[in-house]
Protein backbone atom coordinates (compact mmCIF):
# COMPACT_ATOMS: atom_id res chain seq x y z
CA MET A 1 33.48 5.24 7.46
CA GLU A 2 30.10 6.01 5.93
CA LEU A 3 28.63 3.66 3.36
CA SER A 4 28.71 6.37 0.66
CA GLN A 5 32.45 6.86 1.23
CA ARG A 6 33.18 3.16 0.81
CA ASN A 7 31.16 2.86 -2.39
CA PRO A 8 30.37 6.26 -3.96
CA ASP A 9 28.60 4.57 -6.90
CA LEU A 10 26.05 2.92 -4.64
CA LYS A 11 22.57 4.00 -5.66
CA ARG A 12 19.93 4.28 -2.99
CA THR A 13 16.19 4.48 -3.39
CA CYS A 14 13.34 4.77 -0.94
CA SER A 15 9.94 3.32 -1.73
CA ILE A 16 7.20 3.57 0.86
CA GLY A 17 3.79 1.91 0.98
CA PHE A 18 1.37 2.86 3.74
CA ASN A 19 -2.23 3.23 4.84
CA CYS A 20 -4.18 3.89 8.04
CA PHE A 21 -5.43 1.49 10.67
CA PRO A 22 -8.27 0.91 11.01
CA PHE A 23 -8.58 1.06 7.26
CA TYR A 24 -12.35 1.56 7.07
CA PRO A 25 -13.26 3.99 9.89
CA ASP A 26 -16.98 3.21 9.51
CA ASP A 27 -16.27 -0.51 9.98
CA PRO A 28 -13.01 -0.66 11.97
CA GLU A 29 -13.07 -4.42 12.55
CA LEU A 30 -13.59 -5.40 8.89
CA LEU A 31 -9.85 -5.58 8.15
CA SER A 32 -7.52 -7.01 10.76
CA PHE A 33 -4.18 -5.41 11.51
CA ASP A 34 -2.45 -8.09 9.40
CA GLU A 35 -4.80 -7.49 6.47
CA THR A 36 -4.13 -3.77 6.70
CA VAL A 37 -0.39 -4.47 6.59
CA MET A 38 -1.01 -6.59 3.49
CA LEU A 39 -2.57 -3.52 1.84
CA ALA A 40 0.48 -1.45 2.75
CA ASP A 41 2.60 -4.17 1.18
CA LEU A 42 0.59 -3.88 -2.05
CA ALA A 43 1.27 -0.14 -1.97
CA LEU A 44 5.00 -0.78 -1.56
CA TYR A 45 5.08 -3.16 -4.54
CA TYR A 46 3.20 -0.55 -6.57
CA ALA A 47 5.82 2.05 -5.63
CA LYS A 48 8.69 -0.22 -6.65
CA LYS A 49 7.00 -1.14 -9.91
CA ASN A 50 6.33 2.50 -10.81
CA GLY A 51 9.73 4.05 -10.59
CA ARG A 52 10.95 3.81 -7.01
CA ASN A 53 11.65 6.87 -4.85
CA ILE A 54 7.92 7.27 -4.37
CA SER A 55 5.48 7.02 -1.51
CA VAL A 56 2.14 5.33 -2.13
CA GLN A 57 -0.86 5.38 0.16
CA ILE A 58 -3.90 3.16 -0.22
CA ILE A 59 -7.02 4.97 0.93
CA PRO A 60 -10.60 3.70 1.21
CA GLY A 61 -12.73 3.98 -1.91
CA SER A 62 -16.47 4.49 -2.15
CA LYS A 63 -17.37 0.84 -1.44
CA ILE A 64 -16.83 -1.32 1.62
CA PRO A 65 -16.22 -5.00 0.86
CA LEU A 66 -18.31 -7.80 2.24
CA PRO A 67 -16.43 -10.00 4.72
CA ASP A 68 -15.98 -12.75 2.09
CA GLU A 69 -14.38 -10.22 -0.32
CA VAL A 70 -11.69 -9.03 2.08
CA ASN A 71 -9.13 -11.70 1.19
CA LYS A 72 -9.44 -10.84 -2.51
CA ILE A 73 -8.85 -7.13 -2.04
CA VAL A 74 -5.87 -7.48 0.32
CA THR A 75 -4.08 -9.83 -2.08
CA SER A 76 -4.97 -8.21 -5.42
CA LEU A 77 -4.41 -4.53 -6.05
CA GLU A 78 -6.41 -4.73 -9.26
CA MET A 79 -9.40 -6.27 -7.49
CA GLY A 80 -9.46 -3.53 -4.88
CA LEU A 81 -8.99 -0.71 -7.39
CA ASP A 82 -11.44 -2.06 -9.98
CA GLY A 83 -14.09 -2.64 -7.32
CA ASP A 84 -13.56 0.87 -5.89
CA TYR A 85 -12.82 -0.62 -2.45
CA TYR A 86 -9.74 1.61 -2.32
CA THR A 87 -7.70 4.02 -4.38
CA ILE A 88 -4.05 4.99 -4.58
CA ARG A 89 -2.49 8.32 -3.70
CA THR A 90 1.16 9.00 -4.59
CA ASP A 91 3.57 11.86 -4.05
CA ARG A 92 4.03 12.24 -7.81
């Protein structure tokens, strides 16, 4: 029996956060794989916060962070957006 048949009132949503690896093609080793996943996680939280049923991609901005700024931008969406280290693209 399908899930929808057992509980027809069950509401489903799909929120997706993603980006590319390496994140900065001109400096592919600046962000590790784990740090790039952290950015995708920020995109997912953004999607959930802004209505669900949305896909959100974080793409590089016009600036590349210094190595000591990386931790700040992978843990704070506002820091990355305000500093123009990346921007957000959605399907809405």
